[in-house]
N, C-alpha and C. Protein backbone atom coordinates (compact mmCIF):
# COMPACT_ATOMS: atom_id res chain seq x y z
N MET A 1 0.84 -1.18 0.00
CA MET A 1 0.00 0.00 0.00
C MET A 1 0.88 1.23 0.00
N LEU A 2 0.55 2.21 -0.78
CA LEU A 2 1.32 3.44 -0.84
C LEU A 2 0.98 4.34 0.34
N ASP A 3 2.02 4.96 0.91
CA ASP A 3 1.74 5.91 1.98
C ASP A 3 1.58 7.30 1.38
N ASP A 4 1.13 8.25 2.20
CA ASP A 4 0.83 9.60 1.72
C ASP A 4 2.05 10.32 1.17
N GLU A 5 3.25 9.98 1.66
CA GLU A 5 4.46 10.64 1.16
C GLU A 5 4.74 10.22 -0.28
N LYS A 6 4.51 8.96 -0.59
CA LYS A 6 4.77 8.46 -1.94
C LYS A 6 3.61 8.75 -2.89
N CYS A 7 2.43 8.90 -2.34
CA CYS A 7 1.24 9.15 -3.15
C CYS A 7 0.36 10.17 -2.43
N PRO A 8 0.71 11.44 -2.56
CA PRO A 8 -0.05 12.46 -1.82
C PRO A 8 -1.53 12.52 -2.18
N ASP A 9 -1.91 12.07 -3.35
CA ASP A 9 -3.31 12.12 -3.76
C ASP A 9 -4.07 10.83 -3.44
N CYS A 10 -3.39 9.84 -2.88
CA CYS A 10 -4.04 8.54 -2.62
C CYS A 10 -5.23 8.69 -1.69
N LYS A 11 -5.12 9.53 -0.69
CA LYS A 11 -6.23 9.72 0.24
C LYS A 11 -7.46 10.25 -0.48
N ARG A 12 -7.26 11.22 -1.37
CA ARG A 12 -8.38 11.79 -2.13
C ARG A 12 -8.92 10.77 -3.14
N ILE A 13 -8.03 10.04 -3.77
CA ILE A 13 -8.46 9.00 -4.72
C ILE A 13 -9.31 7.97 -3.98
N ASN A 14 -8.86 7.55 -2.82
CA ASN A 14 -9.61 6.59 -2.02
C ASN A 14 -11.00 7.14 -1.67
N GLU A 15 -11.06 8.40 -1.33
CA GLU A 15 -12.33 9.05 -0.99
C GLU A 15 -13.31 8.98 -2.16
N VAL A 16 -12.82 9.31 -3.35
CA VAL A 16 -13.68 9.30 -4.53
C VAL A 16 -14.07 7.87 -4.90
N LEU A 17 -13.11 6.96 -4.90
CA LEU A 17 -13.41 5.57 -5.27
C LEU A 17 -14.36 4.91 -4.28
N SER A 18 -14.27 5.31 -3.01
CA SER A 18 -15.21 4.76 -2.02
C SER A 18 -16.64 5.11 -2.39
N ARG A 19 -16.85 6.29 -2.93
CA ARG A 19 -18.20 6.71 -3.32
C ARG A 19 -18.61 6.08 -4.64
N VAL A 20 -17.83 6.31 -5.68
CA VAL A 20 -18.27 5.88 -7.01
C VAL A 20 -18.06 4.40 -7.26
N GLY A 21 -17.27 3.75 -6.41
CA GLY A 21 -16.99 2.34 -6.62
C GLY A 21 -17.85 1.41 -5.79
N ASP A 22 -18.74 1.97 -4.97
CA ASP A 22 -19.56 1.08 -4.18
C ASP A 22 -20.65 0.45 -5.05
N ARG A 23 -21.12 -0.66 -4.59
CA ARG A 23 -22.09 -1.48 -5.34
C ARG A 23 -23.29 -0.68 -5.83
N TRP A 24 -23.94 0.06 -4.95
CA TRP A 24 -25.17 0.73 -5.33
C TRP A 24 -24.92 1.91 -6.26
N SER A 25 -23.84 2.62 -6.05
CA SER A 25 -23.53 3.75 -6.94
C SER A 25 -23.31 3.26 -8.37
N VAL A 26 -22.57 2.18 -8.50
CA VAL A 26 -22.31 1.61 -9.83
C VAL A 26 -23.63 1.18 -10.48
N LEU A 27 -24.50 0.54 -9.72
CA LEU A 27 -25.77 0.07 -10.28
C LEU A 27 -26.71 1.22 -10.61
N VAL A 28 -26.72 2.28 -9.81
CA VAL A 28 -27.54 3.46 -10.12
C VAL A 28 -27.04 4.11 -11.40
N VAL A 29 -25.74 4.31 -11.51
CA VAL A 29 -25.17 4.92 -12.71
C VAL A 29 -25.46 4.06 -13.94
N THR A 30 -25.32 2.75 -13.80
CA THR A 30 -25.61 1.85 -14.91
C THR A 30 -27.07 1.96 -15.34
N SER A 31 -27.98 1.99 -14.39
CA SER A 31 -29.41 2.10 -14.71
C SER A 31 -29.72 3.43 -15.38
N LEU A 32 -29.19 4.52 -14.84
CA LEU A 32 -29.45 5.83 -15.43
C LEU A 32 -28.80 5.96 -16.80
N ALA A 33 -27.68 5.30 -17.01
CA ALA A 33 -27.03 5.32 -18.32
C ALA A 33 -27.91 4.60 -19.34
N HIS A 34 -28.56 3.52 -18.89
CA HIS A 34 -29.39 2.73 -19.80
C HIS A 34 -30.75 3.39 -20.07
N TYR A 35 -31.39 3.88 -19.02
CA TYR A 35 -32.74 4.42 -19.17
C TYR A 35 -32.79 5.94 -19.29
N GLU A 36 -31.65 6.61 -19.12
CA GLU A 36 -31.50 8.06 -19.22
C GLU A 36 -32.13 8.81 -18.06
N THR A 37 -33.44 8.76 -17.89
CA THR A 37 -34.11 9.44 -16.79
C THR A 37 -35.02 8.43 -16.10
N MET A 38 -34.93 8.41 -14.76
CA MET A 38 -35.76 7.48 -14.00
C MET A 38 -36.30 8.17 -12.76
N ARG A 39 -37.47 7.73 -12.35
CA ARG A 39 -38.04 8.19 -11.10
C ARG A 39 -37.52 7.31 -9.96
N PHE A 40 -37.65 7.83 -8.75
CA PHE A 40 -37.12 7.14 -7.58
C PHE A 40 -37.62 5.70 -7.50
N ASN A 41 -38.94 5.50 -7.59
CA ASN A 41 -39.50 4.15 -7.45
C ASN A 41 -39.12 3.24 -8.60
N GLU A 42 -38.88 3.80 -9.79
CA GLU A 42 -38.40 2.98 -10.91
C GLU A 42 -37.01 2.43 -10.58
N LEU A 43 -36.15 3.30 -10.07
CA LEU A 43 -34.81 2.86 -9.68
C LEU A 43 -34.90 1.80 -8.58
N LYS A 44 -35.73 2.06 -7.61
CA LYS A 44 -35.90 1.14 -6.47
C LYS A 44 -36.32 -0.24 -6.95
N ARG A 45 -37.32 -0.30 -7.81
CA ARG A 45 -37.79 -1.59 -8.35
C ARG A 45 -36.74 -2.24 -9.22
N ASN A 46 -36.11 -1.46 -10.08
CA ASN A 46 -35.11 -1.97 -11.02
C ASN A 46 -33.92 -2.60 -10.30
N LEU A 47 -33.51 -1.99 -9.19
CA LEU A 47 -32.30 -2.43 -8.49
C LEU A 47 -32.56 -3.38 -7.34
N GLY A 48 -33.80 -3.41 -6.84
CA GLY A 48 -34.07 -4.23 -5.66
C GLY A 48 -33.35 -3.70 -4.43
N ILE A 49 -33.32 -2.40 -4.29
CA ILE A 49 -32.61 -1.71 -3.23
C ILE A 49 -33.62 -1.14 -2.24
N SER A 50 -33.22 -1.01 -0.99
CA SER A 50 -34.13 -0.43 0.00
C SER A 50 -34.29 1.07 -0.27
N GLN A 51 -35.39 1.60 0.19
CA GLN A 51 -35.66 3.03 0.00
C GLN A 51 -34.57 3.87 0.67
N ARG A 52 -34.19 3.50 1.88
CA ARG A 52 -33.17 4.25 2.61
C ARG A 52 -31.83 4.25 1.87
N MET A 53 -31.40 3.06 1.41
CA MET A 53 -30.11 2.97 0.74
C MET A 53 -30.12 3.72 -0.58
N LEU A 54 -31.23 3.64 -1.32
CA LEU A 54 -31.31 4.37 -2.58
C LEU A 54 -31.28 5.87 -2.33
N SER A 55 -31.99 6.32 -1.33
CA SER A 55 -32.01 7.74 -1.00
C SER A 55 -30.60 8.24 -0.65
N LEU A 56 -29.90 7.49 0.20
CA LEU A 56 -28.53 7.85 0.57
C LEU A 56 -27.60 7.86 -0.64
N THR A 57 -27.71 6.84 -1.47
CA THR A 57 -26.85 6.73 -2.66
C THR A 57 -27.10 7.88 -3.62
N LEU A 58 -28.36 8.18 -3.88
CA LEU A 58 -28.68 9.28 -4.80
C LEU A 58 -28.21 10.63 -4.27
N LYS A 59 -28.36 10.85 -2.96
CA LYS A 59 -27.88 12.11 -2.37
C LYS A 59 -26.37 12.26 -2.53
N GLU A 60 -25.63 11.18 -2.29
CA GLU A 60 -24.18 11.23 -2.43
C GLU A 60 -23.76 11.42 -3.89
N LEU A 61 -24.44 10.74 -4.80
CA LEU A 61 -24.12 10.91 -6.23
C LEU A 61 -24.46 12.32 -6.70
N GLU A 62 -25.53 12.87 -6.17
CA GLU A 62 -25.89 14.26 -6.50
C GLU A 62 -24.85 15.21 -5.91
N ARG A 63 -24.46 14.98 -4.68
CA ARG A 63 -23.44 15.81 -4.03
C ARG A 63 -22.13 15.80 -4.79
N ASP A 64 -21.75 14.62 -5.31
CA ASP A 64 -20.51 14.48 -6.06
C ASP A 64 -20.61 14.98 -7.50
N GLY A 65 -21.80 15.41 -7.91
CA GLY A 65 -21.96 15.97 -9.25
C GLY A 65 -22.19 14.96 -10.35
N LEU A 66 -22.57 13.74 -9.99
CA LEU A 66 -22.78 12.70 -11.00
C LEU A 66 -24.24 12.55 -11.42
N VAL A 67 -25.15 12.98 -10.55
CA VAL A 67 -26.58 12.80 -10.79
C VAL A 67 -27.31 14.13 -10.61
N ASN A 68 -28.25 14.39 -11.52
CA ASN A 68 -29.18 15.52 -11.39
C ASN A 68 -30.46 15.02 -10.76
N ARG A 69 -31.02 15.82 -9.87
CA ARG A 69 -32.32 15.53 -9.27
C ARG A 69 -33.26 16.65 -9.71
N THR A 70 -34.37 16.28 -10.35
CA THR A 70 -35.33 17.27 -10.82
C THR A 70 -36.66 17.03 -10.10
N TYR A 71 -37.11 18.04 -9.38
CA TYR A 71 -38.36 17.97 -8.63
C TYR A 71 -39.45 18.66 -9.44
N HIS A 72 -40.56 17.96 -9.63
CA HIS A 72 -41.72 18.52 -10.33
C HIS A 72 -42.84 18.67 -9.31
N PRO A 73 -43.29 19.91 -9.03
CA PRO A 73 -44.31 20.14 -8.00
C PRO A 73 -45.72 19.79 -8.48
N THR A 74 -45.92 18.52 -8.73
CA THR A 74 -47.23 18.03 -9.16
C THR A 74 -47.87 17.29 -7.99
N ILE A 75 -49.08 16.83 -8.19
CA ILE A 75 -49.74 16.02 -7.16
C ILE A 75 -49.99 14.64 -7.75
N PRO A 76 -49.38 13.60 -7.28
CA PRO A 76 -48.33 13.62 -6.25
C PRO A 76 -47.03 14.18 -6.81
N PRO A 77 -46.12 14.62 -5.94
CA PRO A 77 -44.85 15.17 -6.42
C PRO A 77 -44.08 14.14 -7.25
N LYS A 78 -43.37 14.61 -8.22
CA LYS A 78 -42.60 13.73 -9.12
C LYS A 78 -41.14 14.16 -9.06
N VAL A 79 -40.26 13.21 -8.81
CA VAL A 79 -38.82 13.48 -8.77
C VAL A 79 -38.15 12.55 -9.76
N GLU A 80 -37.35 13.13 -10.63
CA GLU A 80 -36.64 12.35 -11.64
C GLU A 80 -35.13 12.53 -11.47
N TYR A 81 -34.41 11.50 -11.87
CA TYR A 81 -32.95 11.50 -11.78
C TYR A 81 -32.37 11.18 -13.14
N ASN A 82 -31.27 11.85 -13.46
CA ASN A 82 -30.51 11.52 -14.66
C ASN A 82 -29.05 11.84 -14.41
N LEU A 83 -28.19 11.40 -15.30
CA LEU A 83 -26.77 11.63 -15.15
C LEU A 83 -26.38 13.02 -15.60
N THR A 84 -25.47 13.64 -14.86
CA THR A 84 -24.89 14.91 -15.28
C THR A 84 -23.86 14.62 -16.38
N GLU A 85 -23.23 15.66 -16.87
CA GLU A 85 -22.17 15.47 -17.86
C GLU A 85 -21.04 14.63 -17.27
N MET A 86 -20.68 14.91 -16.02
CA MET A 86 -19.64 14.11 -15.38
C MET A 86 -20.12 12.68 -15.17
N GLY A 87 -21.38 12.52 -14.80
CA GLY A 87 -21.95 11.18 -14.66
C GLY A 87 -21.91 10.42 -15.97
N GLN A 88 -22.19 11.11 -17.08
CA GLN A 88 -22.10 10.49 -18.40
C GLN A 88 -20.67 10.02 -18.69
N SER A 89 -19.69 10.81 -18.25
CA SER A 89 -18.29 10.43 -18.49
C SER A 89 -17.90 9.21 -17.68
N PHE A 90 -18.66 8.91 -16.64
CA PHE A 90 -18.41 7.74 -15.79
C PHE A 90 -19.00 6.46 -16.39
N ARG A 91 -19.82 6.61 -17.41
CA ARG A 91 -20.47 5.45 -18.04
C ARG A 91 -19.45 4.46 -18.59
N LYS A 92 -18.43 4.96 -19.28
CA LYS A 92 -17.47 4.07 -19.93
C LYS A 92 -16.71 3.19 -18.93
N PRO A 93 -16.13 3.77 -17.86
CA PRO A 93 -15.45 2.88 -16.90
C PRO A 93 -16.40 1.93 -16.19
N VAL A 94 -17.62 2.38 -15.89
CA VAL A 94 -18.60 1.50 -15.24
C VAL A 94 -18.99 0.36 -16.18
N SER A 95 -19.20 0.68 -17.44
CA SER A 95 -19.53 -0.36 -18.42
C SER A 95 -18.40 -1.36 -18.55
N ALA A 96 -17.17 -0.87 -18.55
CA ALA A 96 -16.02 -1.78 -18.65
C ALA A 96 -15.99 -2.74 -17.47
N LEU A 97 -16.26 -2.24 -16.27
CA LEU A 97 -16.32 -3.10 -15.09
C LEU A 97 -17.44 -4.13 -15.20
N GLY A 98 -18.59 -3.68 -15.66
CA GLY A 98 -19.73 -4.58 -15.82
C GLY A 98 -19.44 -5.68 -16.83
N TYR A 99 -18.87 -5.31 -17.98
CA TYR A 99 -18.54 -6.32 -18.99
C TYR A 99 -17.47 -7.29 -18.48
N TRP A 100 -16.49 -6.74 -17.77
CA TRP A 100 -15.46 -7.60 -17.20
C TRP A 100 -16.10 -8.63 -16.26
N ALA A 101 -17.00 -8.16 -15.39
CA ALA A 101 -17.68 -9.06 -14.45
C ALA A 101 -18.44 -10.15 -15.20
N LEU A 102 -19.20 -9.74 -16.22
CA LEU A 102 -19.98 -10.73 -16.98
C LEU A 102 -19.08 -11.74 -17.69
N GLU A 103 -17.98 -11.26 -18.27
CA GLU A 103 -17.07 -12.15 -19.00
C GLU A 103 -16.35 -13.13 -18.08
N ASN A 104 -16.21 -12.77 -16.82
CA ASN A 104 -15.43 -13.59 -15.90
C ASN A 104 -16.25 -14.32 -14.83
N LEU A 105 -17.58 -14.27 -14.95
CA LEU A 105 -18.42 -14.92 -13.94
C LEU A 105 -18.08 -16.41 -13.77
N ALA A 106 -17.94 -17.12 -14.85
CA ALA A 106 -17.67 -18.57 -14.76
C ALA A 106 -16.31 -18.81 -14.10
N LYS A 107 -15.30 -18.02 -14.46
CA LYS A 107 -13.97 -18.18 -13.85
C LYS A 107 -14.01 -17.85 -12.36
N ILE A 108 -14.75 -16.81 -12.00
CA ILE A 108 -14.86 -16.42 -10.60
C ILE A 108 -15.59 -17.51 -9.81
N ASP A 109 -16.66 -18.03 -10.38
CA ASP A 109 -17.40 -19.13 -9.72
C ASP A 109 -16.50 -20.34 -9.51
N ALA A 110 -15.70 -20.68 -10.53
CA ALA A 110 -14.79 -21.82 -10.42
C ALA A 110 -13.72 -21.56 -9.37
N ALA A 111 -13.17 -20.37 -9.35
CA ALA A 111 -12.15 -20.03 -8.36
C ALA A 111 -12.72 -20.08 -6.94
N ARG A 112 -13.93 -19.59 -6.76
CA ARG A 112 -14.57 -19.63 -5.45
C ARG A 112 -14.80 -21.07 -5.00
N GLU A 113 -15.26 -21.89 -5.94
CA GLU A 113 -15.52 -23.30 -5.62
C GLU A 113 -14.22 -23.99 -5.21
N THR A 114 -13.14 -23.76 -5.95
CA THR A 114 -11.84 -24.34 -5.62
C THR A 114 -11.37 -23.86 -4.26
N TYR A 115 -11.48 -22.57 -4.01
CA TYR A 115 -11.06 -22.01 -2.73
C TYR A 115 -11.89 -22.59 -1.59
N ASP A 116 -13.22 -22.58 -1.74
CA ASP A 116 -14.08 -23.10 -0.68
C ASP A 116 -13.79 -24.56 -0.38
N GLU A 117 -13.54 -25.33 -1.43
CA GLU A 117 -13.23 -26.76 -1.25
C GLU A 117 -11.91 -26.90 -0.48
N SER A 118 -10.92 -26.10 -0.78
CA SER A 118 -9.63 -26.18 -0.07
C SER A 118 -9.77 -25.79 1.39
N GLN A 119 -10.74 -24.95 1.72
CA GLN A 119 -10.95 -24.52 3.11
C GLN A 119 -11.66 -25.58 3.93
N ARG A 120 -12.38 -26.47 3.27
CA ARG A 120 -13.10 -27.54 3.98
C ARG A 120 -12.19 -28.69 4.37
N GLN A 121 -11.06 -28.79 3.72
CA GLN A 121 -10.17 -29.93 3.97
C GLN A 121 -9.29 -29.71 5.18
């Protein structure tokens, strides 16, 4: 692991990656990249995420400048989410991670099975 003297920006990089690299953030960005604009409950149903976790994730993504939140004062109120320009730029690395995961699922499953079997002995 690099220390701060050798990598003065590592702490900041870690901070950003902790946000954008977490499971729910990646899935929210992926969904918004695919559907462009989604309402809160659409995201919730699509991802199978709790209301609390989705709310927290969207607030952090909005705070980091990756997601726009648009409130429409209708009855009932309507809130829509979409990716900002910076969020759009995050699509390519997120897609690459997703494709990598899909391409390697069988290898990961096999490695897990081998590892788990070795732990039982």
